[in-house]
PDB file of N, CA and C in Angstrom:
ATOM      1  N   MET A   1      44.074 -40.631-176.150  1.00  0.00           N
ATOM      2  CA  MET A   1      44.269 -40.561-174.849  1.00  0.00           C
ATOM      3  C   MET A   1      43.097 -39.934-174.434  1.00  0.00           C
ATOM      4  N   THR A   2      42.546 -39.835-173.130  1.00  0.00           N
ATOM      5  CA  THR A   2      41.644 -39.513-172.904  1.00  0.00           C
ATOM      6  C   THR A   2      41.296 -39.083-171.601  1.00  0.00           C
ATOM      7  N   ILE A   3      40.860 -37.593-171.487  1.00  0.00           N
ATOM      8  CA  ILE A   3      40.712 -36.779-170.067  1.00  0.00           C
ATOM      9  C   ILE A   3      40.903 -37.401-168.814  1.00  0.00           C
ATOM     10  N   GLU A   4      40.229 -38.904-168.854  1.00  0.00           N
ATOM     11  CA  GLU A   4      40.253 -39.667-167.498  1.00  0.00           C
ATOM     12  C   GLU A   4      41.864 -40.399-167.575  1.00  0.00           C
ATOM     13  N   GLU A   5      42.437 -40.662-168.512  1.00  0.00           N
ATOM     14  CA  GLU A   5      43.636 -41.199-168.499  1.00  0.00           C
ATOM     15  C   GLU A   5      44.668 -40.149-168.133  1.00  0.00           C
ATOM     16  N   LEU A   6      44.659 -39.156-168.705  1.00  0.00           N
ATOM     17  CA  LEU A   6      45.492 -38.102-168.314  1.00  0.00           C
ATOM     18  C   LEU A   6      45.007 -37.880-166.900  1.00  0.00           C
ATOM     19  N   LEU A   7      44.619 -37.855-166.271  1.00  0.00           N
ATOM     20  CA  LEU A   7      44.057 -37.473-165.078  1.00  0.00           C
ATOM     21  C   LEU A   7      44.717 -38.424-164.014  1.00  0.00           C
ATOM     22  N   GLY A   8      44.871 -39.615-164.584  1.00  0.00           N
ATOM     23  CA  GLY A   8      44.998 -40.939-163.882  1.00  0.00           C
ATOM     24  C   GLY A   8      47.096 -40.778-164.167  1.00  0.00           C
ATOM     25  N   ALA A   9      47.230 -40.600-165.300  1.00  0.00           N
ATOM     26  CA  ALA A   9      48.664 -40.211-165.242  1.00  0.00           C
ATOM     27  C   ALA A   9      49.474 -39.346-164.122  1.00  0.00           C
ATOM     28  N   LEU A  10      48.694 -38.102-164.089  1.00  0.00           N
ATOM     29  CA  LEU A  10      48.847 -37.524-163.815  1.00  0.00           C
ATOM     30  C   LEU A  10      48.600 -36.962-161.810  1.00  0.00           C
ATOM     31  N   LYS A  11      48.180 -37.864-161.449  1.00  0.00           N
ATOM     32  CA  LYS A  11      47.840 -38.458-160.187  1.00  0.00           C
ATOM     33  C   LYS A  11      49.072 -38.765-159.170  1.00  0.00           C
ATOM     34  N   PRO A  12      49.847 -39.424-159.630  1.00  0.00           N
ATOM     35  CA  PRO A  12      51.262 -39.682-158.744  1.00  0.00           C
ATOM     36  C   PRO A  12      51.798 -38.189-158.195  1.00  0.00           C
ATOM     37  N   PHE A  13      51.666 -37.048-159.154  1.00  0.00           N
ATOM     38  CA  PHE A  13      52.131 -35.688-158.668  1.00  0.00           C
ATOM     39  C   PHE A  13      51.964 -35.494-157.477  1.00  0.00           C
ATOM     40  N   ASP A  14      50.507 -35.636-157.451  1.00  0.00           N
ATOM     41  CA  ASP A  14      49.645 -34.898-156.535  1.00  0.00           C
ATOM     42  C   ASP A  14      49.880 -36.064-154.856  1.00  0.00           C
ATOM     43  N   ASN A  15      50.382 -36.922-155.063  1.00  0.00           N
ATOM     44  CA  ASN A  15      50.655 -37.695-153.617  1.00  0.00           C
ATOM     45  C   ASN A  15      52.466 -37.235-153.284  1.00  0.00           C
ATOM     46  N   LEU A  16      53.184 -36.397-153.698  1.00  0.00           N
ATOM     47  CA  LEU A  16      54.606 -36.127-153.600  1.00  0.00           C
ATOM     48  C   LEU A  16      54.212 -34.728-152.658  1.00  0.00           C
ATOM     49  N   ARG A  17      53.402 -33.953-152.705  1.00  0.00           N
ATOM     50  CA  ARG A  17      53.027 -32.865-151.623  1.00  0.00           C
ATOM     51  C   ARG A  17      51.778 -32.161-151.498  1.00  0.00           C
ATOM     52  N   GLY A  18      50.906 -32.898-152.056  1.00  0.00           N
ATOM     53  CA  GLY A  18      49.324 -32.682-152.380  1.00  0.00           C
ATOM     54  C   GLY A  18      49.175 -31.602-153.752  1.00  0.00           C
ATOM     55  N   TRP A  19      49.907 -31.013-154.009  1.00  0.00           N
ATOM     56  CA  TRP A  19      49.748 -30.182-155.575  1.00  0.00           C
ATOM     57  C   TRP A  19      51.411 -29.581-155.614  1.00  0.00           C
ATOM     58  N   ILE A  20      51.752 -29.724-156.798  1.00  0.00           N
ATOM     59  CA  ILE A  20      52.556 -28.954-157.177  1.00  0.00           C
ATOM     60  C   ILE A  20      52.706 -28.214-158.602  1.00  0.00           C
ATOM     61  N   PRO A  21      53.404 -27.430-158.804  1.00  0.00           N
ATOM     62  CA  PRO A  21      52.961 -26.389-160.080  1.00  0.00           C
ATOM     63  C   PRO A  21      53.309 -27.029-161.153  1.00  0.00           C
ATOM     64  N   VAL A  22      52.202 -26.795-162.616  1.00  0.00           N
ATOM     65  CA  VAL A  22      52.501 -27.193-163.682  1.00  0.00           C
ATOM     66  C   VAL A  22      53.968 -27.574-164.491  1.00  0.00           C
ATOM     67  N   ARG A  23      54.664 -26.131-163.646  1.00  0.00           N
ATOM     68  CA  ARG A  23      55.667 -26.154-164.224  1.00  0.00           C
ATOM     69  C   ARG A  23      56.739 -27.096-163.847  1.00  0.00           C
ATOM     70  N   TYR A  24      56.505 -27.377-162.472  1.00  0.00           N
ATOM     71  CA  TYR A  24      57.649 -28.550-162.195  1.00  0.00           C
ATOM     72  C   TYR A  24      57.097 -29.861-162.477  1.00  0.00           C
ATOM     73  N   VAL A  25      56.075 -30.371-162.993  1.00  0.00           N
ATOM     74  CA  VAL A  25      55.394 -30.994-163.449  1.00  0.00           C
ATOM     75  C   VAL A  25      56.090 -31.443-165.208  1.00  0.00           C
ATOM     76  N   THR A  26      56.136 -30.201-165.989  1.00  0.00           N
ATOM     77  CA  THR A  26      56.201 -30.092-167.421  1.00  0.00           C
ATOM     78  C   THR A  26      58.121 -30.316-167.128  1.00  0.00           C
ATOM     79  N   THR A  27      58.614 -29.257-166.322  1.00  0.00           N
ATOM     80  CA  THR A  27      60.238 -29.623-165.843  1.00  0.00           C
ATOM     81  C   THR A  27      60.679 -31.249-165.990  1.00  0.00           C
ATOM     82  N   PHE A  28      59.973 -31.945-165.165  1.00  0.00           N
ATOM     83  CA  PHE A  28      60.307 -32.851-164.302  1.00  0.00           C
ATOM     84  C   PHE A  28      60.161 -34.109-166.115  1.00  0.00           C
ATOM     85  N   LEU A  29      59.150 -33.701-166.739  1.00  0.00           N
ATOM     86  CA  LEU A  29      58.575 -34.777-168.039  1.00  0.00           C
ATOM     87  C   LEU A  29      59.893 -34.375-168.790  1.00  0.00           C
ATOM     88  N   MET A  30      59.692 -32.975-169.274  1.00  0.00           N
ATOM     89  CA  MET A  30      61.186 -32.868-169.911  1.00  0.00           C
ATOM     90  C   MET A  30      62.683 -33.558-169.649  1.00  0.00           C
ATOM     91  N   VAL A  31      63.399 -33.782-168.371  1.00  0.00           N
ATOM     92  CA  VAL A  31      64.407 -34.512-168.195  1.00  0.00           C
ATOM     93  C   VAL A  31      63.823 -35.764-168.101  1.00  0.00           C
ATOM     94  N   ALA A  32      62.843 -36.303-167.954  1.00  0.00           N
ATOM     95  CA  ALA A  32      62.662 -38.072-167.977  1.00  0.00           C
ATOM     96  C   ALA A  32      62.751 -38.234-169.714  1.00  0.00           C
ATOM     97  N   LEU A  33      62.339 -37.274-170.498  1.00  0.00           N
ATOM     98  CA  LEU A  33      62.287 -37.495-171.623  1.00  0.00           C
ATOM     99  C   LEU A  33      63.324 -37.338-172.387  1.00  0.00           C
ATOM    100  N   ASP A  34      64.497 -36.889-171.755  1.00  0.00           N
ATOM    101  CA  ASP A  34      66.027 -36.296-172.442  1.00  0.00           C
ATOM    102  C   ASP A  34      66.770 -36.369-171.536  1.00  0.00           C
ATOM    103  N   GLU A  35      67.041 -37.519-170.590  1.00  0.00           N
ATOM    104  CA  GLU A  35      68.097 -36.829-169.505  1.00  0.00           C
ATOM    105  C   GLU A  35      69.380 -36.853-169.816  1.00  0.00           C
ATOM    106  N   GLY A  36      70.196 -35.787-168.822  1.00  0.00           N
ATOM    107  CA  GLY A  36      71.095 -35.557-169.447  1.00  0.00           C
ATOM    108  C   GLY A  36      71.957 -34.313-169.894  1.00  0.00           C
ATOM    109  N   LYS A  37      70.831 -33.606-170.099  1.00  0.00           N
ATOM    110  CA  LYS A  37      71.111 -32.074-170.942  1.00  0.00           C
ATOM    111  C   LYS A  37      71.569 -31.271-169.841  1.00  0.00           C
ATOM    112  N   TRP A  38      72.356 -30.162-169.850  1.00  0.00           N
ATOM    113  CA  TRP A  38      72.405 -28.928-169.304  1.00  0.00           C
ATOM    114  C   TRP A  38      71.139 -28.120-168.887  1.00  0.00           C
ATOM    115  N   PRO A  39      70.976 -27.563-167.650  1.00  0.00           N
ATOM    116  CA  PRO A  39      69.807 -26.739-167.544  1.00  0.00           C
ATOM    117  C   PRO A  39      69.374 -25.825-168.791  1.00  0.00           C
ATOM    118  N   SER A  40      70.381 -25.418-168.928  1.00  0.00           N
ATOM    119  CA  SER A  40      69.859 -24.062-170.360  1.00  0.00           C
ATOM    120  C   SER A  40      69.078 -24.903-171.578  1.00  0.00           C
ATOM    121  N   ALA A  41      69.577 -25.897-171.868  1.00  0.00           N
ATOM    122  CA  ALA A  41      69.016 -26.892-172.807  1.00  0.00           C
ATOM    123  C   ALA A  41      67.376 -27.128-172.553  1.00  0.00           C
ATOM    124  N   TYR A  42      67.288 -27.883-171.538  1.00  0.00           N
ATOM    125  CA  TYR A  42      65.663 -27.816-170.882  1.00  0.00           C
ATOM    126  C   TYR A  42      65.295 -26.149-171.034  1.00  0.00           C
ATOM    127  N   ALA A  43      66.167 -25.141-170.560  1.00  0.00           N
ATOM    128  CA  ALA A  43      65.238 -24.016-170.577  1.00  0.00           C
ATOM    129  C   ALA A  43      64.720 -23.563-171.995  1.00  0.00           C
ATOM    130  N   ARG A  44      65.675 -23.856-172.991  1.00  0.00           N
ATOM    131  CA  ARG A  44      65.657 -23.491-174.559  1.00  0.00           C
ATOM    132  C   ARG A  44      64.242 -24.170-175.046  1.00  0.00           C
ATOM    133  N   GLY A  45      64.184 -25.508-174.439  1.00  0.00           N
ATOM    134  CA  GLY A  45      63.004 -26.148-174.913  1.00  0.00           C
ATOM    135  C   GLY A  45      61.664 -26.144-174.232  1.00  0.00           C
ATOM    136  N   ALA A  46      61.831 -25.414-173.125  1.00  0.00           N
ATOM    137  CA  ALA A  46      60.412 -24.996-172.283  1.00  0.00           C
ATOM    138  C   ALA A  46      60.156 -23.424-173.194  1.00  0.00           C
ATOM    139  N   GLY A  47      60.934 -22.724-173.847  1.00  0.00           N
ATOM    140  CA  GLY A  47      60.397 -21.674-173.689  1.00  0.00           C
ATOM    141  C   GLY A  47      60.669 -20.866-172.627  1.00  0.00           C
ATOM    142  N   MET A  48      61.939 -20.966-171.870  1.00  0.00           N
ATOM    143  CA  MET A  48      61.808 -19.922-170.351  1.00  0.00           C
ATOM    144  C   MET A  48      63.366 -19.605-169.983  1.00  0.00           C
ATOM    145  N   ASP A  49      63.604 -18.561-169.368  1.00  0.00           N
ATOM    146  CA  ASP A  49      64.806 -18.011-169.494  1.00  0.00           C
ATOM    147  C   ASP A  49      65.364 -19.167-168.318  1.00  0.00           C
ATOM    148  N   ARG A  50      67.108 -19.044-168.542  1.00  0.00           N
ATOM    149  CA  ARG A  50      67.629 -19.529-167.593  1.00  0.00           C
ATOM    150  C   ARG A  50      67.418 -19.710-165.988  1.00  0.00           C
ATOM    151  N   ILE A  51      67.429 -18.604-165.389  1.00  0.00           N
ATOM    152  CA  ILE A  51      67.019 -18.517-164.172  1.00  0.00           C
ATOM    153  C   ILE A  51      65.392 -19.176-163.641  1.00  0.00           C
ATOM    154  N   SER A  52      64.450 -19.226-164.442  1.00  0.00           N
ATOM    155  CA  SER A  52      63.327 -19.561-164.142  1.00  0.00           C
ATOM    156  C   SER A  52      63.296 -21.562-164.366  1.00  0.00           C
ATOM    157  N   MET A  53      64.491 -21.553-165.126  1.00  0.00           N
ATOM    158  CA  MET A  53      64.627 -23.180-165.192  1.00  0.00           C
ATOM    159  C   MET A  53      65.229 -23.486-164.091  1.00  0.00           C
ATOM    160  N   SER A  54      66.133 -22.907-163.844  1.00  0.00           N
ATOM    161  CA  SER A  54      66.946 -23.265-162.629  1.00  0.00           C
ATOM    162  C   SER A  54      66.737 -23.701-161.339  1.00  0.00           C
ATOM    163  N   ARG A  55      65.793 -22.519-161.460  1.00  0.00           N
ATOM    164  CA  ARG A  55      64.690 -22.446-160.004  1.00  0.00           C
ATOM    165  C   ARG A  55      63.730 -23.694-159.889  1.00  0.00           C
ATOM    166  N   CYS A  56      63.458 -24.320-161.292  1.00  0.00           N
ATOM    167  CA  CYS A  56      62.252 -25.447-161.208  1.00  0.00           C
ATOM    168  C   CYS A  56      63.318 -26.589-160.913  1.00  0.00           C
ATOM    169  N   LEU A  57      64.312 -26.435-161.413  1.00  0.00           N
ATOM    170  CA  LEU A  57      65.081 -28.022-161.253  1.00  0.00           C
ATOM    171  C   LEU A  57      65.600 -27.927-159.783  1.00  0.00           C
ATOM    172  N   ARG A  58      66.039 -26.890-159.502  1.00  0.00           N
ATOM    173  CA  ARG A  58      66.610 -26.832-157.904  1.00  0.00           C
ATOM    174  C   ARG A  58      65.450 -27.369-157.138  1.00  0.00           C
ATOM    175  N   ASP A  59      63.802 -27.146-157.163  1.00  0.00           N
ATOM    176  CA  ASP A  59      62.786 -27.204-156.401  1.00  0.00           C
ATOM    177  C   ASP A  59      62.193 -28.525-156.966  1.00  0.00           C
ATOM    178  N   ILE A  60      62.602 -29.000-157.728  1.00  0.00           N
ATOM    179  CA  ILE A  60      62.261 -30.727-157.614  1.00  0.00           C
ATOM    180  C   ILE A  60      63.852 -31.918-157.795  1.00  0.00           C
ATOM    181  N   GLY A  61      64.672 -30.804-157.455  1.00  0.00           N
ATOM    182  CA  GLY A  61      66.020 -31.570-156.741  1.00  0.00           C
ATOM    183  C   GLY A  61      65.982 -31.922-155.364  1.00  0.00           C
ATOM    184  N   GLU A  62      66.733 -32.094-154.909  1.00  0.00           N
ATOM    185  CA  GLU A  62      66.809 -32.495-153.623  1.00  0.00           C
ATOM    186  C   GLU A  62      66.689 -31.887-152.784  1.00  0.00           C
ATOM    187  N   ARG A  63      67.370 -30.214-152.814  1.00  0.00           N
ATOM    188  CA  ARG A  63      66.876 -29.144-151.762  1.00  0.00           C
ATOM    189  C   ARG A  63      66.649 -28.039-152.959  1.00  0.00           C
ATOM    190  N   SER A  64      65.464 -27.287-152.388  1.00  0.00           N
ATOM    191  CA  SER A  64      64.812 -26.437-152.987  1.00  0.00           C
ATOM    192  C   SER A  64      65.614 -25.374-152.849  1.00  0.00           C
ATOM    193  N   ARG A  65      65.097 -24.247-153.809  1.00  0.00           N
ATOM    194  CA  ARG A  65      66.125 -23.051-153.896  1.00  0.00           C
ATOM    195  C   ARG A  65      65.902 -22.143-152.718  1.00  0.00           C
ATOM    196  N   THR A  66      65.131 -22.239-151.792  1.00  0.00           N
ATOM    197  CA  THR A  66      64.805 -21.678-150.582  1.00  0.00           C
ATOM    198  C   THR A  66      65.914 -22.312-149.658  1.00  0.00           C
ATOM    199  N   GLY A  67      66.169 -23.457-149.657  1.00  0.00           N
ATOM    200  CA  GLY A  67      67.018 -24.497-148.887  1.00  0.00           C
ATOM    201  C   GLY A  67      66.374 -25.552-148.261  1.00  0.00           C
ATOM    202  N   GLY A  68      65.371 -25.403-148.276  1.00  0.00           N
ATOM    203  CA  GLY A  68      64.398 -26.046-147.375  1.00  0.00           C
ATOM    204  C   GLY A  68      64.485 -28.088-148.622  1.00  0.00           C
ATOM    205  N   PRO A  69      63.681 -28.615-148.322  1.00  0.00           N
ATOM    206  CA  PRO A  69      63.958 -30.001-148.724  1.00  0.00           C
ATOM    207  C   PRO A  69      62.885 -29.793-150.135  1.00  0.00           C
ATOM    208  N   GLY A  70      63.448 -30.671-151.534  1.00  0.00           N
ATOM    209  CA  GLY A  70      63.134 -30.038-152.352  1.00  0.00           C
ATOM    210  C   GLY A  70      61.813 -31.475-152.652  1.00  0.00           C
ATOM    211  N   LEU A  71      61.819 -31.848-154.239  1.00  0.00           N
ATOM    212  CA  LEU A  71      60.562 -33.226-154.428  1.00  0.00           C
ATOM    213  C   LEU A  71      61.376 -34.180-154.251  1.00  0.00           C
ATOM    214  N   GLY A  72      63.391 -33.880-154.490  1.00  0.00           N
ATOM    215  CA  GLY A  72      63.955 -34.993-154.536  1.00  0.00           C
ATOM    216  C   GLY A  72      63.919 -36.149-155.816  1.00  0.00           C
ATOM    217  N   LEU A  73      63.285 -35.257-157.249  1.00  0.00           N
ATOM    218  CA  LEU A  73      63.089 -36.115-157.949  1.00  0.00           C
ATOM    219  C   LEU A  73      64.113 -36.359-159.147  1.00  0.00           C
ATOM    220  N   VAL A  74      65.131 -34.870-159.421  1.00  0.00           N
ATOM    221  CA  VAL A  74      66.393 -34.931-160.108  1.00  0.00           C
ATOM    222  C   VAL A  74      67.516 -34.506-159.484  1.00  0.00           C
ATOM    223  N   LYS A  75      68.259 -34.648-160.329  1.00  0.00           N
ATOM    224  CA  LYS A  75      69.987 -34.416-159.327  1.00  0.00           C
ATOM    225  C   LYS A  75      70.939 -34.155-160.698  1.00  0.00           C
ATOM    226  N   ALA A  76      71.768 -32.901-159.786  1.00  0.00           N
ATOM    227  CA  ALA A  76      72.688 -32.411-161.064  1.00  0.00           C
ATOM    228  C   ALA A  76      74.036 -32.820-160.945  1.00  0.00           C
ATOM    229  N   VAL A  77      74.821 -33.504-161.500  1.00  0.00           N
ATOM    230  CA  VAL A  77      76.165 -34.043-161.926  1.00  0.00           C
ATOM    231  C   VAL A  77      77.252 -33.260-162.912  1.00  0.00           C
ATOM    232  N   ARG A  78      78.267 -33.298-162.238  1.00  0.00           N
ATOM    233  CA  ARG A  78      79.213 -32.663-163.035  1.00  0.00           C
ATOM    234  C   ARG A  78      79.468 -33.710-164.035  1.00  0.00           C
ATOM    235  N   ASP A  79      79.802 -32.585-165.213  1.00  0.00           N
ATOM    236  CA  ASP A  79      79.599 -33.335-166.376  1.00  0.00           C
ATOM    237  C   ASP A  79      81.340 -33.607-167.006  1.00  0.00           C
ATOM    238  N   PRO A  80      81.562 -34.872-166.757  1.00  0.00           N
ATOM    239  CA  PRO A  80      83.045 -35.112-167.079  1.00  0.00           C
ATOM    240  C   PRO A  80      83.672 -34.680-168.155  1.00  0.00           C
ATOM    241  N   SER A  81      83.331 -33.728-169.155  1.00  0.00           N
ATOM    242  CA  SER A  81      83.978 -33.444-170.459  1.00  0.00           C
ATOM    243  C   SER A  81      83.976 -31.981-170.168  1.00  0.00           C
ATOM    244  N   ASN A  82      83.465 -31.401-168.910  1.00  0.00           N
ATOM    245  CA  ASN A  82      83.294 -29.688-168.782  1.00  0.00           C
ATOM    246  C   ASN A  82      83.253 -29.872-167.477  1.00  0.00           C
ATOM    247  N   LEU A  83      83.778 -29.659-165.809  1.00  0.00           N
ATOM    248  CA  LEU A  83      83.720 -29.287-164.659  1.00  0.00           C
ATOM    249  C   LEU A  83      82.807 -28.588-164.460  1.00  0.00           C
ATOM    250  N   HIS A  84      83.036 -27.518-165.314  1.00  0.00           N
ATOM    251  CA  HIS A  84      82.115 -26.342-164.813  1.00  0.00           C
ATOM    252  C   HIS A  84      80.785 -26.383-165.263  1.00  0.00           C
ATOM    253  N   ARG A  85      80.068 -27.564-165.279  1.00  0.00           N
ATOM    254  CA  ARG A  85      78.794 -27.618-165.508  1.00  0.00           C
ATOM    255  C   ARG A  85      78.141 -28.636-165.431  1.00  0.00           C
ATOM    256  N   ARG A  86      76.782 -28.681-164.758  1.00  0.00           N
ATOM    257  CA  ARG A  86      76.388 -30.027-164.831  1.00  0.00           C
ATOM    258  C   ARG A  86      74.808 -30.681-165.490  1.00  0.00           C
ATOM    259  N   ARG A  87      74.801 -31.918-165.425  1.00  0.00           N
ATOM    260  CA  ARG A  87      73.670 -32.511-166.382  1.00  0.00           C
ATOM    261  C   ARG A  87      72.759 -32.889-165.663  1.00  0.00           C
ATOM    262  N   VAL A  88      71.503 -33.066-166.003  1.00  0.00           N
ATOM    263  CA  VAL A  88      70.478 -33.352-164.958  1.00  0.00           C
ATOM    264  C   VAL A  88      69.858 -34.408-165.289  1.00  0.00           C
ATOM    265  N   LEU A  89      70.017 -35.329-164.578  1.00  0.00           N
ATOM    266  CA  LEU A  89      69.767 -36.708-164.147  1.00  0.00           C
ATOM    267  C   LEU A  89      68.289 -36.993-163.228  1.00  0.00           C
ATOM    268  N   LEU A  90      67.782 -38.085-163.375  1.00  0.00           N
ATOM    269  CA  LEU A  90      66.630 -38.594-162.531  1.00  0.00           C
ATOM    270  C   LEU A  90      67.182 -39.222-161.593  1.00  0.00           C
ATOM    271  N   THR A  91      66.501 -38.858-160.409  1.00  0.00           N
ATOM    272  CA  THR A  91      67.165 -39.948-158.993  1.00  0.00           C
ATOM    273  C   THR A  91      66.391 -41.019-159.259  1.00  0.00           C
ATOM    274  N   GLU A  92      66.282 -41.958-158.041  1.00  0.00           N
ATOM    275  CA  GLU A  92      65.857 -43.029-158.055  1.00  0.00           C
ATOM    276  C   GLU A  92      64.331 -42.760-157.646  1.00  0.00           C
ATOM    277  N   LYS A  93      64.192 -41.794-156.794  1.00  0.00           N
ATOM    278  CA  LYS A  93      62.528 -41.423-157.027  1.00  0.00           C
ATOM    279  C   LYS A  93      61.813 -41.001-158.188  1.00  0.00           C
ATOM    280  N   GLY A  94      63.029 -40.382-158.423  1.00  0.00           N
ATOM    281  CA  GLY A  94      62.217 -39.571-160.317  1.00  0.00           C
ATOM    282  C   GLY A  94      62.413 -40.516-160.843  1.00  0.00           C
ATOM    283  N   ARG A  95      62.846 -41.813-160.753  1.00  0.00           N
ATOM    284  CA  ARG A  95      62.327 -42.982-162.016  1.00  0.00           C
ATOM    285  C   ARG A  95      61.332 -43.512-161.520  1.00  0.00           C
ATOM    286  N   ALA A  96      61.051 -43.765-159.923  1.00  0.00           N
ATOM    287  CA  ALA A  96      60.136 -44.585-159.586  1.00  0.00           C
ATOM    288  C   ALA A  96      58.506 -43.670-159.819  1.00  0.00           C
ATOM    289  N   LEU A  97      58.452 -42.332-160.064  1.00  0.00           N
ATOM    290  CA  LEU A  97      57.529 -41.775-160.153  1.00  0.00           C
ATOM    291  C   LEU A  97      57.242 -41.724-161.356  1.00  0.00           C
ATOM    292  N   LEU A  98      58.569 -41.657-162.462  1.00  0.00           N
ATOM    293  CA  LEU A  98      58.394 -42.119-164.051  1.00  0.00           C
ATOM    294  C   LEU A  98      57.188 -43.315-164.063  1.00  0.00           C
ATOM    295  N   LEU A  99      57.741 -44.346-163.527  1.00  0.00           N
ATOM    296  CA  LEU A  99      57.152 -45.569-163.597  1.00  0.00           C
ATOM    297  C   LEU A  99      55.781 -45.369-163.431  1.00  0.00           C
ATOM    298  N   LEU A 100      55.384 -44.555-162.238  1.00  0.00           N
ATOM    299  CA  LEU A 100      53.836 -44.370-162.068  1.00  0.00           C
ATOM    300  C   LEU A 100      52.950 -43.616-163.112  1.00  0.00           C
ATOM    301  N   VAL A 101      53.608 -43.012-163.300  1.00  0.00           N
ATOM    302  CA  VAL A 101      52.908 -41.919-164.405  1.00  0.00           C
ATOM    303  C   VAL A 101      53.159 -42.732-165.432  1.00  0.00           C
ATOM    304  N   THR A 102      53.770 -43.628-165.934  1.00  0.00           N
ATOM    305  CA  THR A 102      53.577 -43.767-167.570  1.00  0.00           C
ATOM    306  C   THR A 102      53.135 -45.117-167.371  1.00  0.00           C
ATOM    307  N   GLY A 103      52.930 -45.607-166.580  1.00  0.00           N
ATOM    308  CA  GLY A 103      52.467 -46.918-165.949  1.00  0.00           C
ATOM    309  C   GLY A 103      51.074 -47.383-166.625  1.00  0.00           C
ATOM    310  N   SER A 104      50.054 -46.221-166.876  1.00  0.00           N
ATOM    311  CA  SER A 104      48.692 -46.071-167.203  1.00  0.00           C
ATOM    312  C   SER A 104      48.508 -45.642-168.688  1.00  0.00           C
ATOM    313  N   LEU A 105      49.550 -45.329-169.011  1.00  0.00           N
ATOM    314  CA  LEU A 105      49.890 -44.613-170.923  1.00  0.00           C
ATOM    315  C   LEU A 105      50.095 -45.496-171.576  1.00  0.00           C
ATOM    316  N   GLY A 106      50.672 -46.911-170.969  1.00  0.00           N
ATOM    317  CA  GLY A 106      51.331 -47.580-172.020  1.00  0.00           C
ATOM    318  C   GLY A 106      53.025 -47.433-171.977  1.00  0.00           C
ATOM    319  N   THR A 107      53.723 -47.759-173.223  1.00  0.00           N
ATOM    320  CA  THR A 107      55.052 -47.928-173.322  1.00  0.00           C
ATOM    321  C   THR A 107      55.805 -46.393-173.540  1.00  0.00           C
ATOM    322  N   ILE A 108      56.236 -45.738-172.852  1.00  0.00           N
ATOM    323  CA  ILE A 108      56.884 -44.471-173.711  1.00  0.00           C
ATOM    324  C   ILE A 108      58.547 -44.446-173.631  1.00  0.00           C
ATOM    325  N   GLU A 109      59.210 -44.389-174.469  1.00  0.00           N
ATOM    326  CA  GLU A 109      60.410 -44.419-174.340  1.00  0.00           C
ATOM    327  C   GLU A 109      61.072 -43.077-174.167  1.00  0.00           C
ATOM    328  N   PRO A 110      62.015 -42.838-173.471  1.00  0.00           N
ATOM    329  CA  PRO A 110      62.491 -41.727-173.174  1.00  0.00           C
ATOM    330  C   PRO A 110      64.059 -41.917-173.791  1.00  0.00           C
ATOM    331  N   LYS A 111      64.637 -40.518-174.546  1.00  0.00           N
ATOM    332  CA  LYS A 111      65.525 -40.685-174.989  1.00  0.00           C
ATOM    333  C   LYS A 111      66.862 -40.572-174.190  1.00  0.00           C
ATOM    334  N   ARG A 112      67.587 -41.454-174.747  1.00  0.00           N
ATOM    335  CA  ARG A 112      68.841 -42.011-173.760  1.00  0.00           C
ATOM    336  C   ARG A 112      70.395 -41.246-174.434  1.00  0.00           C
ATOM    337  N   ASN A 113      70.792 -40.141-173.466  1.00  0.00           N
ATOM    338  CA  ASN A 113      72.297 -39.676-173.843  1.00  0.00           C
ATOM    339  C   ASN A 113      73.159 -40.730-173.304  1.00  0.00           C
ATOM    340  N   ASN A 114      74.194 -40.833-173.943  1.00  0.00           N
ATOM    341  CA  ASN A 114      75.618 -41.293-173.381  1.00  0.00           C
ATOM    342  C   ASN A 114      75.867 -40.477-172.371  1.00  0.00           C
ATOM    343  N   VAL A 115      75.325 -40.611-171.187  1.00  0.00           N
ATOM    344  CA  VAL A 115      76.290 -39.944-170.426  1.00  0.00           C
ATOM    345  C   VAL A 115      77.044 -40.266-169.247  1.00  0.00           C
ATOM    346  N   VAL A 116      78.137 -40.275-169.083  1.00  0.00           N
ATOM    347  CA  VAL A 116      79.195 -40.835-168.143  1.00  0.00           C
ATOM    348  C   VAL A 116      78.952 -39.915-166.718  1.00  0.00           C
ATOM    349  N   CYS A 117      78.584 -40.495-165.590  1.00  0.00           N
ATOM    350  CA  CYS A 117      78.600 -40.168-164.544  1.00  0.00           C
ATOM    351  C   CYS A 117      79.319 -40.984-163.310  1.00  0.00           C
ATOM    352  N   THR A 118      80.200 -40.220-162.501  1.00  0.00           N
ATOM    353  CA  THR A 118      80.581 -41.199-161.568  1.00  0.00           C
ATOM    354  C   THR A 118      79.512 -41.377-160.114  1.00  0.00           C
ATOM    355  N   ALA A 119      79.720 -42.407-159.782  1.00  0.00           N
ATOM    356  CA  ALA A 119      78.988 -42.297-158.539  1.00  0.00           C
ATOM    357  C   ALA A 119      78.853 -41.029-157.132  1.00  0.00           C
ATOM    358  N   GLY A 120      80.422 -40.806-157.445  1.00  0.00           N
ATOM    359  CA  GLY A 120      80.559 -39.481-156.173  1.00  0.00           C
ATOM    360  C   GLY A 120      80.317 -38.093-156.504  1.00  0.00           C
ATOM    361  N   ASP A 121      79.494 -37.837-158.012  1.00  0.00           N
ATOM    362  CA  ASP A 121      79.158 -36.697-158.536  1.00  0.00           C
ATOM    363  C   ASP A 121      78.264 -35.739-157.026  1.00  0.00           C
ATOM    364  N   ALA A 122      78.435 -34.481-157.013  1.00  0.00           N
ATOM    365  CA  ALA A 122      77.903 -34.065-156.236  1.00  0.00           C
ATOM    366  C   ALA A 122      76.388 -33.359-156.868  1.00  0.00           C
ATOM    367  N   GLU A 123      75.458 -33.540-155.766  1.00  0.00           N
ATOM    368  CA  GLU A 123      73.913 -32.710-156.313  1.00  0.00           C
ATOM    369  C   GLU A 123      74.174 -31.183-156.251  1.00  0.00           C
ATOM    370  N   THR A 124      73.263 -30.522-156.583  1.00  0.00           N
ATOM    371  CA  THR A 124      73.011 -29.203-156.801  1.00  0.00           C
ATOM    372  C   THR A 124      71.327 -29.388-156.193  1.00  0.00           C
TER     373      THR A 124
END
C-alpha cells in the first residue's frame, strides 16, 4: 500500500466533521475489524484504559460523552447472555463509512462474532 492509497482510504473520515482524532479512527477500525466485543476488550486491544476507550466509543456513537451529537458510527447493545454488559456494533452509518474506507483498499474481511441482539436493544 502506498501513502497515497492510505490517504485516500482515510479521506471519508474527514467528511464526517472536518477532522476527528486519530484515536477515534483507530477505535472505529477496531470495532469494524472485530465487532461485538465489550468495551473493555477493545481497550485491552488498543493498550488504553477502559475509561479512555469508553469516551472514544461514546464520541463515535450516537451521543457524545458531553451529551451532544456523536459521530453515529457505533452503538452499544445489551448482551443477551449478560444484561449488565453491552457489546459494541457498527451502525448503518458506520457500515457505510467502512465501505468507503475499504473500497480503495481491496477486500478486507472483518471478523464476525456470533452476537445475537434484538431490534429493541438500547444504544448508549
